[in-house]
């Protein structure tokens, strides 16, 4: 499993998050107590990020638990043949709802001005555009990144937070560093069981007009050990997708 806290935290919490995974999540997962591990692990993550003790977060956690129960209830309504690996799937549904609920809470919680400590207000999507640069506005227009601008009414200070769209197919451009590059791959020559194939990769940035074309090798087809079907995998330059630009930690069991 992997936990990423978002761009606003950088890599400063990597060691902390890794410790939480090892201490709270994985021991329960190894005992197949997925819901227990998710509950206590998520509570600890939120506590470290917000600086609030778990007692202060009771109402929030209850809301998240209700959402998790709703998803798990829907899972139990499925026919038995559709519930393969029930403990794992149920735990993943709970984790999914907790992650999104926790992200929502952290994004919209009260903010205080780093300058005068007055309570800040979040600007709406139209008003916040005046504080974004061209690249940030382009990211918002293609829905690859959403920006929140928080304004202090007392001293006029603004802070900007970035939230990557986890489901966007846009990648980070190597030239302008904005998440506005689309990568398209096409097959020029298909592989066979005796020879490799060739593909073309085209990268285009919608912000700075960066353009790059390259070719890559497609490995030979391999016969499956379990059936007569075949599969192939592409090799070449790779770009990460669907993850935040902040730090993170992972662990396995």
Protein backbone atom coordinates (compact mmCIF):
# COMPACT_ATOMS: atom_id res chain seq x y z
CA UNK A 1 0.00 0.00 0.00
CA UNK A 2 1.05 3.61 -0.50
CA UNK A 3 -0.02 6.87 1.15
CA UNK A 4 0.66 10.26 -0.47
CA UNK A 5 -0.17 13.45 1.41
CA UNK A 6 -0.13 15.94 -1.47
CA UNK A 7 1.98 18.72 -2.87
CA UNK A 8 1.49 21.04 0.08
CA UNK A 9 3.57 18.82 2.37
CA UNK A 10 6.49 18.01 0.07
CA UNK A 11 8.67 15.14 1.31
CA UNK A 12 8.87 16.31 4.90
CA UNK A 13 6.45 13.67 6.20
CA UNK A 14 7.74 10.62 4.31
CA UNK A 15 9.39 9.07 7.35
CA UNK A 16 6.37 9.80 9.55
CA UNK A 17 3.93 8.26 7.06
CA UNK A 18 6.16 5.21 6.59
CA UNK A 19 6.20 4.73 10.37
CA UNK A 20 2.40 4.92 10.50
CA UNK A 21 2.10 2.32 7.75
CA UNK A 22 4.45 -0.04 9.56
CA UNK A 23 2.93 0.50 13.01
CA UNK A 24 -0.81 0.91 12.37
CA UNK A 25 -1.80 -0.44 8.94
CA UNK A 26 0.36 -3.48 8.18
CA UNK A 27 0.15 -5.36 11.51
CA UNK A 28 -3.66 -5.43 11.24
CA UNK A 29 -3.59 -6.24 7.52
CA UNK A 30 -1.34 -9.24 8.23
CA UNK A 31 -4.01 -10.50 10.64
CA UNK A 32 -6.67 -9.83 7.97
CA UNK A 33 -8.21 -7.13 10.21
CA UNK A 34 -8.48 -4.68 7.32
CA UNK A 35 -11.18 -2.41 8.72
CA UNK A 36 -9.37 -2.08 12.05
CA UNK A 37 -6.08 -1.26 10.34
CA UNK A 38 -7.73 1.28 8.05
CA UNK A 39 -9.58 2.96 10.91
CA UNK A 40 -6.63 3.36 13.28
CA UNK A 41 -4.11 4.07 10.52
CA UNK A 42 -6.25 6.77 8.94
CA UNK A 43 -6.93 8.34 12.32
CA UNK A 44 -3.20 8.52 13.01
CA UNK A 45 -2.45 10.07 9.60
CA UNK A 46 -5.08 12.76 10.12
CA UNK A 47 -3.82 13.42 13.63
CA UNK A 48 -0.25 13.95 12.39
CA UNK A 49 -1.36 16.21 9.53
CA UNK A 50 -3.81 18.39 11.46
CA UNK A 51 -2.12 18.47 14.86
CA UNK A 52 -5.42 17.52 16.52
CA UNK A 53 -5.82 14.66 18.93
CA UNK A 54 -8.13 11.80 17.87
CA UNK A 55 -10.72 12.91 20.46
CA UNK A 56 -11.07 16.21 18.60
CA UNK A 57 -11.77 14.37 15.36
CA UNK A 58 -14.50 12.05 16.62
CA UNK A 59 -17.37 13.61 14.63
CA UNK A 60 -15.28 13.62 11.46
CA UNK A 61 -14.24 10.00 11.87
CA UNK A 62 -17.83 8.95 12.52
CA UNK A 63 -18.86 10.53 9.21
CA UNK A 64 -16.08 8.71 7.40
CA UNK A 65 -17.02 5.45 9.11
CA UNK A 66 -20.65 5.92 8.01
CA UNK A 67 -19.48 6.38 4.41
CA UNK A 68 -17.30 3.27 4.66
CA UNK A 69 -20.22 1.28 6.05
CA UNK A 70 -22.43 2.43 3.17
CA UNK A 71 -19.88 1.21 0.59
CA UNK A 72 -19.41 -2.06 2.43
CA UNK A 73 -23.19 -2.53 2.68
CA UNK A 74 -23.48 -2.14 -1.07
CA UNK A 75 -20.69 -4.72 -1.44
CA UNK A 76 -22.60 -7.21 0.74
CA UNK A 77 -25.67 -6.84 -1.50
CA UNK A 78 -23.71 -8.32 -4.38
CA UNK A 79 -24.29 -12.00 -5.25
CA UNK A 80 -21.78 -14.40 -3.65
CA UNK A 81 -19.96 -15.08 -6.90
CA UNK A 82 -19.23 -11.34 -7.25
CA UNK A 83 -17.73 -11.09 -3.77
CA UNK A 84 -14.41 -12.88 -4.39
CA UNK A 85 -11.86 -11.88 -1.76
CA UNK A 86 -14.53 -10.26 0.39
CA UNK A 87 -12.30 -9.23 3.27
CA UNK A 88 -9.82 -7.50 1.01
CA UNK A 89 -12.41 -5.84 -1.21
CA UNK A 90 -14.47 -4.68 1.74
CA UNK A 91 -11.37 -3.24 3.34
CA UNK A 92 -10.40 -1.51 0.11
CA UNK A 93 -13.87 0.03 -0.19
CA UNK A 94 -13.52 1.37 3.34
CA UNK A 95 -10.04 2.66 2.57
CA UNK A 96 -11.30 4.32 -0.61
CA UNK A 97 -14.03 6.23 1.23
CA UNK A 98 -11.70 7.17 4.08
CA UNK A 99 -9.03 8.47 1.73
CA UNK A 100 -11.46 10.67 -0.17
CA UNK A 101 -13.19 11.78 3.02
CA UNK A 102 -9.85 12.60 4.63
CA UNK A 103 -8.69 14.48 1.55
CA UNK A 104 -11.91 16.51 1.56
CA UNK A 105 -11.50 17.33 5.24
CA UNK A 106 -7.88 18.42 4.88
CA UNK A 107 -8.69 20.54 1.83
CA UNK A 108 -11.62 22.46 3.30
CA UNK A 109 -10.63 22.70 6.95
CA UNK A 110 -10.24 26.16 8.49
CA UNK A 111 -7.04 27.97 7.54
CA UNK A 112 -5.24 30.69 9.45
CA UNK A 113 -3.05 33.38 7.97
CA UNK A 114 0.68 32.60 8.23
CA UNK A 115 1.29 36.33 8.62
CA UNK A 116 -1.28 37.67 11.12
CA UNK A 117 -3.00 34.39 12.16
CA UNK A 118 -6.50 35.64 11.27
CA UNK A 119 -8.95 33.14 9.80
CA UNK A 120 -8.72 32.98 6.00
CA UNK A 121 -11.45 32.47 3.41
CA UNK A 122 -11.29 30.32 0.28
CA UNK A 123 -12.00 32.18 -2.95
CA UNK A 124 -14.42 30.74 -5.50
CA UNK A 125 -13.25 29.34 -8.85
CA UNK A 126 -13.81 32.63 -10.66
CA UNK A 127 -12.27 34.96 -8.09
CA UNK A 128 -9.16 32.81 -7.57
CA UNK A 129 -8.09 33.08 -11.25
CA UNK A 130 -6.60 36.53 -10.73
CA UNK A 131 -3.99 35.03 -8.39
CA UNK A 132 -2.99 32.16 -10.72
CA UNK A 133 -0.37 32.33 -13.45
CA UNK A 134 -0.97 31.25 -17.06
CA UNK A 135 0.26 27.70 -16.47
CA UNK A 136 -1.93 27.20 -13.42
CA UNK A 137 -4.99 28.53 -15.25
CA UNK A 138 -4.28 26.16 -18.14
CA UNK A 139 -4.06 23.20 -15.72
CA UNK A 140 -7.43 24.16 -14.28
CA UNK A 141 -9.00 24.59 -17.72
CA UNK A 142 -8.05 21.02 -18.73
CA UNK A 143 -8.92 19.68 -15.26
CA UNK A 144 -5.50 18.21 -14.51
CA UNK A 145 -4.91 20.29 -11.38
CA UNK A 146 -7.31 22.28 -9.21
CA UNK A 147 -6.02 25.28 -7.27
CA UNK A 148 -7.46 26.74 -4.08
CA UNK A 149 -6.60 30.32 -3.18
CA UNK A 150 -7.04 31.30 0.45
CA UNK A 151 -7.32 35.02 1.24
CA UNK A 152 -6.75 36.79 4.55
CA UNK A 153 -9.27 39.64 4.96
CA UNK A 154 -7.17 41.20 7.70
CA UNK A 155 -3.79 41.68 6.00
CA UNK A 156 -4.46 40.66 2.39
CA UNK A 157 -2.13 37.63 2.35
CA UNK A 158 -2.90 34.82 -0.12
CA UNK A 159 -1.83 31.19 -0.09
CA UNK A 160 -2.27 28.78 -3.00
CA UNK A 161 -2.75 25.00 -2.68
CA UNK A 162 -2.58 22.59 -5.63
CA UNK A 163 -4.62 19.38 -5.90
CA UNK A 164 -3.84 16.96 -8.71
CA UNK A 165 -6.75 15.25 -10.43
CA UNK A 166 -5.99 11.58 -9.74
CA UNK A 167 -7.88 10.50 -12.85
CA UNK A 168 -6.36 12.93 -15.33
CA UNK A 169 -4.26 11.50 -18.15
CA UNK A 170 -2.12 14.64 -18.44
CA UNK A 171 1.54 14.36 -17.42
CA UNK A 172 4.10 16.85 -16.17
CA UNK A 173 5.82 18.64 -19.04
CA UNK A 174 9.65 18.51 -18.89
CA UNK A 175 9.87 22.00 -20.39
CA UNK A 176 7.35 24.16 -18.49
CA UNK A 177 6.88 21.80 -15.50
CA UNK A 178 3.10 22.11 -15.73
CA UNK A 179 0.78 19.09 -15.75
CA UNK A 180 -0.39 19.84 -19.27
CA UNK A 181 1.36 17.27 -21.45
CA UNK A 182 -0.48 14.50 -23.24
CA UNK A 183 1.39 11.32 -24.24
CA UNK A 184 0.04 9.26 -27.13
CA UNK A 185 1.42 5.91 -28.26
CA UNK A 186 0.68 4.15 -31.54
CA UNK A 187 1.93 0.87 -32.96
CA UNK A 188 3.95 1.10 -36.17
CA UNK A 189 4.82 -2.58 -36.45
CA UNK A 190 3.16 -5.22 -34.30
CA UNK A 191 5.33 -7.77 -32.49
CA UNK A 192 5.17 -11.48 -33.19
CA UNK A 193 6.38 -14.56 -31.34
CA UNK A 194 9.69 -14.36 -33.23
CA UNK A 195 10.34 -10.63 -33.61
CA UNK A 196 9.86 -7.39 -31.70
CA UNK A 197 7.58 -4.59 -32.82
CA UNK A 198 7.96 -0.84 -33.03
CA UNK A 199 5.82 1.97 -31.65
CA UNK A 200 5.80 5.75 -31.85
CA UNK A 201 5.36 8.03 -28.84
CA UNK A 202 4.23 11.64 -29.30
CA UNK A 203 4.30 14.14 -26.43
CA UNK A 204 2.46 17.46 -26.76
CA UNK A 205 2.11 20.16 -24.11
CA UNK A 206 -1.01 22.31 -24.21
CA UNK A 207 0.68 25.11 -22.27
CA UNK A 208 4.13 25.72 -23.75
CA UNK A 209 3.65 23.85 -27.07
CA UNK A 210 6.45 21.40 -26.22
CA UNK A 211 6.54 18.62 -28.81
CA UNK A 212 8.64 15.48 -28.94
CA UNK A 213 8.42 12.30 -30.98
CA UNK A 214 10.32 9.07 -30.38
CA UNK A 215 10.11 5.39 -31.20
CA UNK A 216 10.18 2.49 -28.77
CA UNK A 217 10.51 -1.25 -28.95
CA UNK A 218 7.59 -3.55 -28.25
CA UNK A 219 8.77 -6.92 -26.86
CA UNK A 220 8.03 -10.16 -28.65
CA UNK A 221 4.80 -11.94 -27.81
CA UNK A 222 5.07 -14.67 -25.20
CA UNK A 223 2.91 -17.75 -24.97
CA UNK A 224 1.02 -18.02 -21.72
CA UNK A 225 1.84 -20.96 -19.44
CA UNK A 226 -1.83 -21.40 -18.56
CA UNK A 227 -3.53 -20.92 -21.91
CA UNK A 228 -2.98 -20.32 -25.59
CA UNK A 229 -3.54 -16.60 -25.22
CA UNK A 230 -0.69 -14.17 -25.62
CA UNK A 231 0.22 -10.81 -24.23
CA UNK A 232 2.66 -8.05 -24.94
CA UNK A 233 4.12 -5.17 -23.00
CA UNK A 234 5.56 -1.93 -24.31
CA UNK A 235 8.95 -0.67 -23.28
CA UNK A 236 10.53 2.74 -23.64
CA UNK A 237 10.37 6.07 -21.88
CA UNK A 238 7.86 6.08 -19.05
CA UNK A 239 5.98 8.84 -17.30
CA UNK A 240 4.32 8.58 -13.93
CA UNK A 241 0.60 9.23 -13.83
CA UNK A 242 -2.17 9.57 -11.27
CA UNK A 243 -0.05 10.52 -8.29
CA UNK A 244 0.36 13.73 -6.41
CA UNK A 245 3.43 15.90 -6.63
CA UNK A 246 3.96 15.71 -2.90
CA UNK A 247 5.78 13.11 -0.82
CA UNK A 248 4.60 9.67 0.17
CA UNK A 249 5.50 6.34 1.71
CA UNK A 250 4.63 2.72 1.02
CA UNK A 251 4.72 -0.70 2.60
CA UNK A 252 3.76 -4.28 1.77
CA UNK A 253 2.58 -7.34 3.66
